């Protein structure tokens, strides 16, 4: 039987978790659907995001509230943790995981749904479900790891030019009519004037602020490890704490502040770096505790250090220097979205610690030799550079204000 096979392959604990988080809920939704399927859909917008109230869903929600759409539409958040703060008028929350008749009722009666990570289930043809995703692609391959249900109404993709790559990653045809190129709501932040997010981390002024966002190699649950190369400190390049501390001294001499934002899925048991005078280490938990918005933080920085992550694609919209740490390129197990990744790289490739130092020095000197290639790649990947993605998403839904 399939049940026993699943338990054997995934273990009893994981099987019980899946049963509680997903399977019982589907049963409840089918019951509710029987009683609601012939009733008119309600003016409700369901939102799910990568973490609660963040990413594309969070940005779209802020846009809806700022423009008073909650006067006309009820907004329902699907959350991972219980909401303790007071929500605005006509806004409520339900748990993303676990059985709930109230959640089932919202799913079966809402006209509009948007999700970034866990794709909500759509029961009726007249419901509109938009999958926004929780990142702008990246170099690493995710093919075979993401299933797009036929019930999804629209799929946000960066541009028509980039679409074939994304279609391949999602195992979809390039002729799929659901692709839309309206931009990612979260990136609207890049085109706003606010630059206060850095003050949540430091109030000191530096010549340059650089953000390093390494993708996770080891973590994500179930003993996953995407790289064969050992990272002795839990991040690439550094072999010892002495090297790490020496690098901090070099940053101090250059008057550079480095923020290392650890991927929220990274296994912290193998992280052996800590704050220094010119280095701040952020983990998934500290980001939540400090209420830091990653997109707003990106906007406050002068350059990005990335690798195979979608963070480098996101940062292209800011048109600022990007360095790519690829020291485990030959050991990276997931593979890449294209055969020649140089086509999707618009900055120096960093294989050794000395090259990381060179990148920092060039940022300080404002020696931006990749500007032309970066702008060309930016135009290839993105259809828009205007900060109006939330507005276009509202138009896609056909939302109206009183």
Protein backbone atom coordinates (compact mmCIF):
# COMPACT_ATOMS: atom_id res chain seq x y z
CA UNK A 1 0.00 0.00 0.00
CA UNK A 2 1.07 3.59 -0.72
CA UNK A 3 0.73 4.63 2.94
CA UNK A 4 3.12 1.97 4.21
CA UNK A 5 5.52 2.71 1.36
CA UNK A 6 5.52 6.42 2.26
CA UNK A 7 6.17 5.68 5.95
CA UNK A 8 8.97 3.31 5.05
CA UNK A 9 10.65 5.86 2.77
CA UNK A 10 10.14 8.97 4.90
CA UNK A 11 9.90 7.71 8.47
CA UNK A 12 7.03 7.72 10.93
CA UNK A 13 7.71 11.24 12.29
CA UNK A 14 7.68 12.85 8.84
CA UNK A 15 4.59 10.86 7.84
CA UNK A 16 2.65 12.05 10.90
CA UNK A 17 3.80 15.63 10.22
CA UNK A 18 2.54 15.50 6.63
CA UNK A 19 -0.75 13.96 7.77
CA UNK A 20 -1.32 16.72 10.35
CA UNK A 21 -0.10 19.67 8.28
CA UNK A 22 -1.68 18.79 4.93
CA UNK A 23 -3.80 15.65 4.55
CA UNK A 24 -6.46 16.24 7.22
CA UNK A 25 -6.87 19.80 5.94
CA UNK A 26 -7.58 18.60 2.40
CA UNK A 27 -10.33 16.36 3.78
CA UNK A 28 -11.88 19.33 5.62
CA UNK A 29 -11.71 21.49 2.49
CA UNK A 30 -13.55 18.87 0.45
CA UNK A 31 -16.32 18.83 3.03
CA UNK A 32 -16.62 22.64 3.03
CA UNK A 33 -16.51 22.73 -0.76
CA UNK A 34 -19.64 20.58 -0.97
CA UNK A 35 -21.60 23.27 0.92
CA UNK A 36 -20.05 26.32 -0.78
CA UNK A 37 -19.48 25.33 -4.40
CA UNK A 38 -22.73 26.85 -5.67
CA UNK A 39 -22.50 30.05 -3.66
CA UNK A 40 -20.99 33.30 -5.04
CA UNK A 41 -17.33 33.84 -4.26
CA UNK A 42 -16.55 36.54 -1.71
CA UNK A 43 -14.37 39.63 -2.05
CA UNK A 44 -11.48 38.05 -0.16
CA UNK A 45 -7.76 38.06 -0.90
CA UNK A 46 -5.76 35.16 0.57
CA UNK A 47 -2.03 35.76 1.00
CA UNK A 48 0.80 33.31 1.74
CA UNK A 49 4.45 34.40 1.78
CA UNK A 50 7.91 32.89 2.26
CA UNK A 51 7.91 33.94 5.90
CA UNK A 52 4.96 35.67 7.51
CA UNK A 53 4.25 39.17 6.15
CA UNK A 54 7.33 39.29 3.93
CA UNK A 55 8.52 38.65 0.38
CA UNK A 56 6.12 39.26 -2.54
CA UNK A 57 3.03 38.57 -0.46
CA UNK A 58 4.15 41.00 2.22
CA UNK A 59 4.89 43.77 -0.30
CA UNK A 60 1.54 43.27 -2.03
CA UNK A 61 -0.22 43.35 1.34
CA UNK A 62 1.48 46.65 2.25
CA UNK A 63 0.36 48.06 -1.10
CA UNK A 64 -3.24 46.94 -0.48
CA UNK A 65 -3.32 48.54 2.97
CA UNK A 66 -1.58 51.75 1.85
CA UNK A 67 -4.17 52.13 -0.91
CA UNK A 68 -7.17 51.24 1.27
CA UNK A 69 -8.15 48.07 -0.59
CA UNK A 70 -9.05 46.56 2.77
CA UNK A 71 -12.09 48.85 2.79
CA UNK A 72 -13.48 46.77 -0.11
CA UNK A 73 -11.81 43.38 0.32
CA UNK A 74 -11.25 41.11 3.28
CA UNK A 75 -7.58 40.09 3.48
CA UNK A 76 -6.70 36.71 4.99
CA UNK A 77 -3.12 35.88 5.90
CA UNK A 78 -1.89 32.27 6.00
CA UNK A 79 0.75 32.34 8.75
CA UNK A 80 3.29 29.95 10.22
CA UNK A 81 3.24 31.56 13.67
CA UNK A 82 0.34 33.01 15.63
CA UNK A 83 -0.08 36.73 14.94
CA UNK A 84 0.28 38.74 18.14
CA UNK A 85 0.08 42.23 16.66
CA UNK A 86 -3.19 44.02 15.99
CA UNK A 87 -4.10 43.79 12.32
CA UNK A 88 -5.76 46.57 10.29
CA UNK A 89 -9.47 46.73 9.53
CA UNK A 90 -10.82 43.77 7.55
CA UNK A 91 -7.57 41.77 7.93
CA UNK A 92 -7.36 38.41 9.69
CA UNK A 93 -5.05 35.38 9.84
CA UNK A 94 -5.33 31.60 9.83
CA UNK A 95 -2.61 28.97 10.36
CA UNK A 96 -0.91 27.80 7.18
CA UNK A 97 -0.32 24.29 8.54
CA UNK A 98 -2.68 21.99 10.38
CA UNK A 99 -6.43 21.33 10.10
CA UNK A 100 -8.88 24.24 10.39
CA UNK A 101 -12.49 24.55 9.22
CA UNK A 102 -12.12 28.34 9.19
CA UNK A 103 -9.14 28.07 6.85
CA UNK A 104 -11.05 25.64 4.66
CA UNK A 105 -13.95 28.08 4.43
CA UNK A 106 -11.68 30.93 3.30
CA UNK A 107 -10.02 28.74 0.67
CA UNK A 108 -13.35 27.61 -0.75
CA UNK A 109 -14.98 31.05 -0.84
CA UNK A 110 -12.22 33.57 -1.72
CA UNK A 111 -12.02 35.13 -5.18
CA UNK A 112 -8.28 35.86 -5.08
CA UNK A 113 -5.17 34.06 -3.82
CA UNK A 114 -1.47 34.88 -3.95
CA UNK A 115 1.34 32.66 -2.70
CA UNK A 116 5.14 32.72 -2.60
CA UNK A 117 6.12 29.35 -1.17
CA UNK A 118 3.34 26.88 -0.29
CA UNK A 119 0.92 26.98 -3.22
CA UNK A 120 -2.64 27.24 -1.97
CA UNK A 121 -5.30 24.92 -3.36
CA UNK A 122 -7.86 26.38 -5.75
CA UNK A 123 -11.24 24.60 -5.90
CA UNK A 124 -13.15 26.65 -8.46
CA UNK A 125 -12.48 27.90 -11.96
CA UNK A 126 -13.69 31.39 -11.09
CA UNK A 127 -11.07 31.74 -8.35
CA UNK A 128 -7.82 33.51 -9.35
CA UNK A 129 -4.62 32.01 -7.94
CA UNK A 130 -1.28 33.74 -8.62
CA UNK A 131 2.04 32.07 -7.80
CA UNK A 132 4.59 34.82 -7.22
CA UNK A 133 7.48 32.59 -6.04
CA UNK A 134 9.85 33.74 -3.30
CA UNK A 135 12.88 34.72 -5.35
CA UNK A 136 14.09 35.82 -8.73
CA UNK A 137 15.50 32.52 -9.90
CA UNK A 138 19.23 32.09 -9.45
CA UNK A 139 22.06 30.08 -10.93
CA UNK A 140 21.36 26.84 -9.06
CA UNK A 141 19.00 24.34 -10.61
CA UNK A 142 15.75 23.51 -8.87
CA UNK A 143 14.33 21.38 -11.66
CA UNK A 144 12.26 18.49 -10.39
CA UNK A 145 11.89 20.05 -6.95
CA UNK A 146 8.91 22.27 -7.70
CA UNK A 147 5.49 21.11 -8.88
CA UNK A 148 3.12 23.71 -10.33
CA UNK A 149 -0.52 22.55 -10.12
CA UNK A 150 -2.71 23.03 -13.18
CA UNK A 151 -5.09 25.03 -10.98
CA UNK A 152 -2.65 27.95 -10.72
CA UNK A 153 -4.09 30.81 -12.79
CA UNK A 154 -0.94 32.90 -13.32
CA UNK A 155 2.80 32.47 -12.82
CA UNK A 156 4.97 35.54 -12.28
CA UNK A 157 8.16 35.44 -14.36
CA UNK A 158 10.78 38.17 -14.71
CA UNK A 159 10.61 38.70 -18.49
CA UNK A 160 9.69 37.10 -21.80
CA UNK A 161 13.39 36.69 -22.57
CA UNK A 162 14.10 34.85 -19.34
CA UNK A 163 10.88 32.80 -19.40
CA UNK A 164 12.32 29.72 -21.22
CA UNK A 165 14.82 29.23 -18.38
CA UNK A 166 12.13 29.48 -15.72
CA UNK A 167 9.75 27.26 -17.70
CA UNK A 168 12.45 24.61 -17.85
CA UNK A 169 13.03 24.86 -14.10
CA UNK A 170 9.34 24.35 -13.44
CA UNK A 171 9.12 21.57 -16.06
CA UNK A 172 6.54 23.56 -18.01
CA UNK A 173 6.13 24.29 -21.71
CA UNK A 174 7.26 27.66 -23.02
CA UNK A 175 3.80 27.86 -24.59
CA UNK A 176 2.12 27.84 -21.18
CA UNK A 177 -0.34 30.76 -21.28
CA UNK A 178 -0.18 31.32 -17.52
CA UNK A 179 3.16 33.18 -17.59
CA UNK A 180 2.82 36.90 -16.89
CA UNK A 181 5.61 39.48 -16.81
CA UNK A 182 4.45 42.15 -14.39
CA UNK A 183 7.44 42.13 -12.02
CA UNK A 184 7.91 40.97 -8.45
CA UNK A 185 6.02 43.01 -5.80
CA UNK A 186 8.85 42.74 -3.27
CA UNK A 187 11.20 44.55 -5.64
CA UNK A 188 9.02 47.66 -5.59
CA UNK A 189 10.98 48.46 -2.42
CA UNK A 190 14.09 49.08 -4.52
CA UNK A 191 12.41 52.03 -6.20
CA UNK A 192 11.27 53.74 -3.00
CA UNK A 193 13.21 56.46 -1.22
CA UNK A 194 13.35 54.89 2.26
CA UNK A 195 16.91 53.97 3.37
CA UNK A 196 16.36 53.55 7.10
CA UNK A 197 16.55 49.74 7.38
CA UNK A 198 20.32 49.76 8.03
CA UNK A 199 19.69 51.65 11.30
CA UNK A 200 18.22 48.47 12.76
CA UNK A 201 21.74 47.05 12.54
CA UNK A 202 24.08 50.03 12.99
CA UNK A 203 23.85 53.79 13.30
CA UNK A 204 27.52 54.28 12.49
CA UNK A 205 28.48 55.73 9.11
CA UNK A 206 30.91 53.84 6.88
CA UNK A 207 32.54 54.55 3.56
CA UNK A 208 30.82 51.49 2.11
CA UNK A 209 28.33 48.87 3.32
CA UNK A 210 28.43 45.45 1.66
CA UNK A 211 25.88 42.66 2.06
CA UNK A 212 26.91 39.00 1.75
CA UNK A 213 24.07 36.53 1.24
CA UNK A 214 25.46 33.01 0.76
CA UNK A 215 22.93 30.41 -0.29
CA UNK A 216 22.63 27.46 2.06
CA UNK A 217 24.72 24.41 1.32
CA UNK A 218 23.95 22.39 4.40
CA UNK A 219 20.46 22.56 5.91
CA UNK A 220 16.89 22.70 4.72
CA UNK A 221 15.94 19.70 6.82
CA UNK A 222 16.44 15.95 6.41
CA UNK A 223 20.28 16.16 6.43
CA UNK A 224 20.40 17.92 3.07
CA UNK A 225 23.84 18.98 1.87
CA UNK A 226 24.12 20.59 -1.57
CA UNK A 227 27.92 20.83 -1.69
CA UNK A 228 30.71 18.30 -1.32
CA UNK A 229 33.16 21.00 -0.23
CA UNK A 230 33.63 21.38 3.50
CA UNK A 231 32.98 24.82 4.94
CA UNK A 232 34.98 24.93 8.12
CA UNK A 233 33.30 28.05 9.48
CA UNK A 234 29.92 27.48 7.87
CA UNK A 235 30.48 30.04 5.10
CA UNK A 236 32.58 29.84 1.92
CA UNK A 237 36.25 30.86 1.52
CA UNK A 238 37.37 31.06 5.17
CA UNK A 239 39.43 28.18 6.50
CA UNK A 240 40.00 29.45 10.05
CA UNK A 241 38.84 32.00 12.58
CA UNK A 242 42.21 33.71 12.23
CA UNK A 243 41.50 34.39 8.55
CA UNK A 244 38.07 35.67 9.46
CA UNK A 245 39.40 38.04 12.12
CA UNK A 246 42.16 39.27 9.83
CA UNK A 247 39.60 40.01 7.14
CA UNK A 248 37.67 42.07 9.69
CA UNK A 249 40.79 44.14 10.34
CA UNK A 250 41.13 44.79 6.62
CA UNK A 251 37.50 45.92 6.49
CA UNK A 252 38.21 48.23 9.41
CA UNK A 253 41.15 49.79 7.57
CA UNK A 254 38.98 50.36 4.49
CA UNK A 255 36.10 51.71 6.61
CA UNK A 256 33.77 49.04 5.22
CA UNK A 257 30.90 47.40 7.10
CA UNK A 258 30.06 43.83 6.03
CA UNK A 259 26.69 42.27 6.80
CA UNK A 260 26.66 38.49 6.44
CA UNK A 261 23.06 37.32 6.18
CA UNK A 262 22.94 33.56 6.66
CA UNK A 263 20.28 31.76 4.64
CA UNK A 264 17.31 30.88 6.91
CA UNK A 265 17.61 27.21 5.89
CA UNK A 266 21.32 26.97 6.69
CA UNK A 267 22.28 24.50 9.43
CA UNK A 268 23.50 26.75 12.26
CA UNK A 269 25.15 23.88 14.13
CA UNK A 270 28.03 24.24 11.68
CA UNK A 271 28.22 28.04 11.76
CA UNK A 272 31.35 29.24 13.56
CA UNK A 273 31.47 32.94 12.81
CA UNK A 274 30.34 35.80 15.01
CA UNK A 275 30.06 39.56 15.03
CA UNK A 276 33.24 41.59 14.69
CA UNK A 277 33.88 45.33 14.79
CA UNK A 278 33.12 45.63 11.06
CA UNK A 279 31.09 42.46 10.50
CA UNK A 280 27.51 41.77 11.52
CA UNK A 281 26.19 38.20 11.25
CA UNK A 282 22.45 37.81 10.76
CA UNK A 283 20.61 34.48 10.99
CA UNK A 284 16.99 33.73 10.19
CA UNK A 285 16.09 34.16 13.86
CA UNK A 286 17.93 37.46 14.37
CA UNK A 287 16.38 38.85 11.20
CA UNK A 288 12.92 38.07 12.59
CA UNK A 289 13.79 39.41 16.04
CA UNK A 290 15.12 42.67 14.59
CA UNK A 291 12.22 42.83 12.09
CA UNK A 292 14.58 43.34 9.18
CA UNK A 293 13.16 43.41 5.67
CA UNK A 294 15.74 41.91 3.31
CA UNK A 295 14.71 44.03 0.32
CA UNK A 296 14.87 47.26 2.31
CA UNK A 297 18.25 46.18 3.68
CA UNK A 298 19.55 45.51 0.17
CA UNK A 299 18.60 49.04 -0.79
CA UNK A 300 20.82 50.42 2.00
CA UNK A 301 23.98 48.69 0.73
CA UNK A 302 26.62 49.62 -1.84
CA UNK A 303 27.39 46.14 -3.16
CA UNK A 304 26.38 42.49 -2.83
CA UNK A 305 28.37 39.30 -2.43
CA UNK A 306 26.37 36.28 -3.57
CA UNK A 307 26.86 32.95 -5.36
CA UNK A 308 24.25 30.67 -6.94
CA UNK A 309 21.43 32.35 -5.07
CA UNK A 310 18.52 34.34 -6.46
CA UNK A 311 19.75 37.23 -4.29
CA UNK A 312 22.14 38.22 -7.08
CA UNK A 313 19.24 38.34 -9.53
CA UNK A 314 17.21 40.49 -7.14
CA UNK A 315 20.12 42.88 -6.60
CA UNK A 316 20.44 43.49 -10.34
CA UNK A 317 17.46 45.82 -10.06
CA UNK A 318 19.58 48.15 -7.92
CA UNK A 319 22.32 48.19 -10.59
CA UNK A 320 25.18 48.04 -8.06
CA UNK A 321 28.33 45.86 -7.97
CA UNK A 322 27.88 42.12 -7.38
CA UNK A 323 30.59 39.59 -6.57
CA UNK A 324 29.97 35.85 -7.03
CA UNK A 325 31.64 33.43 -4.58
CA UNK A 326 32.05 30.18 -6.51
CA UNK A 327 34.76 28.37 -4.54
CA UNK A 328 32.72 25.13 -4.55
CA UNK A 329 31.63 25.37 -8.18
CA UNK A 330 32.95 21.90 -9.05
CA UNK A 331 31.55 20.41 -5.85
CA UNK A 332 28.05 21.86 -6.06
CA UNK A 333 25.60 18.98 -6.49
CA UNK A 334 22.41 20.68 -7.68
CA UNK A 335 23.74 21.78 -11.05
CA UNK A 336 22.78 25.02 -12.78
CA UNK A 337 19.94 26.53 -14.78
CA UNK A 338 22.11 26.88 -17.92
CA UNK A 339 25.19 25.08 -19.20
CA UNK A 340 27.28 28.27 -19.33
CA UNK A 341 26.59 30.23 -16.14
CA UNK A 342 28.85 33.08 -17.27
CA UNK A 343 25.93 34.29 -19.39
CA UNK A 344 24.04 35.00 -16.17
CA UNK A 345 26.94 36.49 -14.19
CA UNK A 346 27.64 40.22 -14.16
CA UNK A 347 30.50 40.58 -11.71
CA UNK A 348 33.83 39.03 -10.69
CA UNK A 349 33.91 35.32 -9.87
CA UNK A 350 35.52 34.81 -6.46
CA UNK A 351 37.29 31.52 -5.85
CA UNK A 352 39.80 32.53 -3.19
CA UNK A 353 39.88 34.81 -0.17
CA UNK A 354 42.34 37.16 -1.88
CA UNK A 355 39.77 37.74 -4.65
CA UNK A 356 37.15 38.62 -2.04
CA UNK A 357 39.52 41.27 -0.70
CA UNK A 358 40.05 42.58 -4.24
CA UNK A 359 36.29 42.88 -4.72
CA UNK A 360 35.89 44.90 -1.50
CA UNK A 361 38.75 47.21 -2.48
CA UNK A 362 37.21 47.82 -5.90
CA UNK A 363 33.90 48.70 -4.27
CA UNK A 364 35.68 51.24 -2.05
CA UNK A 365 37.50 52.72 -5.06
CA UNK A 366 34.23 52.64 -7.05
CA UNK A 367 36.03 50.71 -9.76
CA UNK A 368 32.92 49.25 -11.40
CA UNK A 369 34.20 47.40 -14.48
CA UNK A 370 31.08 45.23 -14.85
CA UNK A 371 28.55 48.06 -15.08
CA UNK A 372 27.81 47.62 -18.80
CA UNK A 373 27.41 43.84 -18.58
CA UNK A 374 25.30 44.17 -15.45
CA UNK A 375 22.90 46.58 -17.14
CA UNK A 376 22.66 44.29 -20.16
CA UNK A 377 21.86 41.29 -17.93
CA UNK A 378 19.36 43.38 -15.98
CA UNK A 379 17.46 44.19 -19.18
CA UNK A 380 17.53 40.54 -20.22
CA UNK A 381 16.14 39.25 -16.93
CA UNK A 382 13.61 41.99 -16.14
CA UNK A 383 10.74 43.37 -18.18
CA UNK A 384 10.33 46.40 -15.90
CA UNK A 385 12.54 48.64 -13.73
CA UNK A 386 9.85 50.93 -12.33
CA UNK A 387 8.61 49.76 -8.93
CA UNK A 388 4.99 49.27 -10.03
CA UNK A 389 4.69 45.49 -9.75
CA UNK A 390 2.13 45.66 -6.91
CA UNK A 391 -0.05 47.95 -8.97
CA UNK A 392 0.13 45.60 -11.95
CA UNK A 393 -0.74 42.61 -9.74
CA UNK A 394 -3.82 44.44 -8.46
CA UNK A 395 -4.79 45.12 -12.08
CA UNK A 396 -4.23 41.44 -12.96
CA UNK A 397 -6.71 40.50 -10.24
CA UNK A 398 -9.08 43.22 -11.41
CA UNK A 399 -9.27 44.77 -7.93
CA UNK A 400 -11.30 47.94 -7.49
CA UNK A 401 -11.52 50.51 -4.75
CA UNK A 402 -14.69 52.22 -3.52
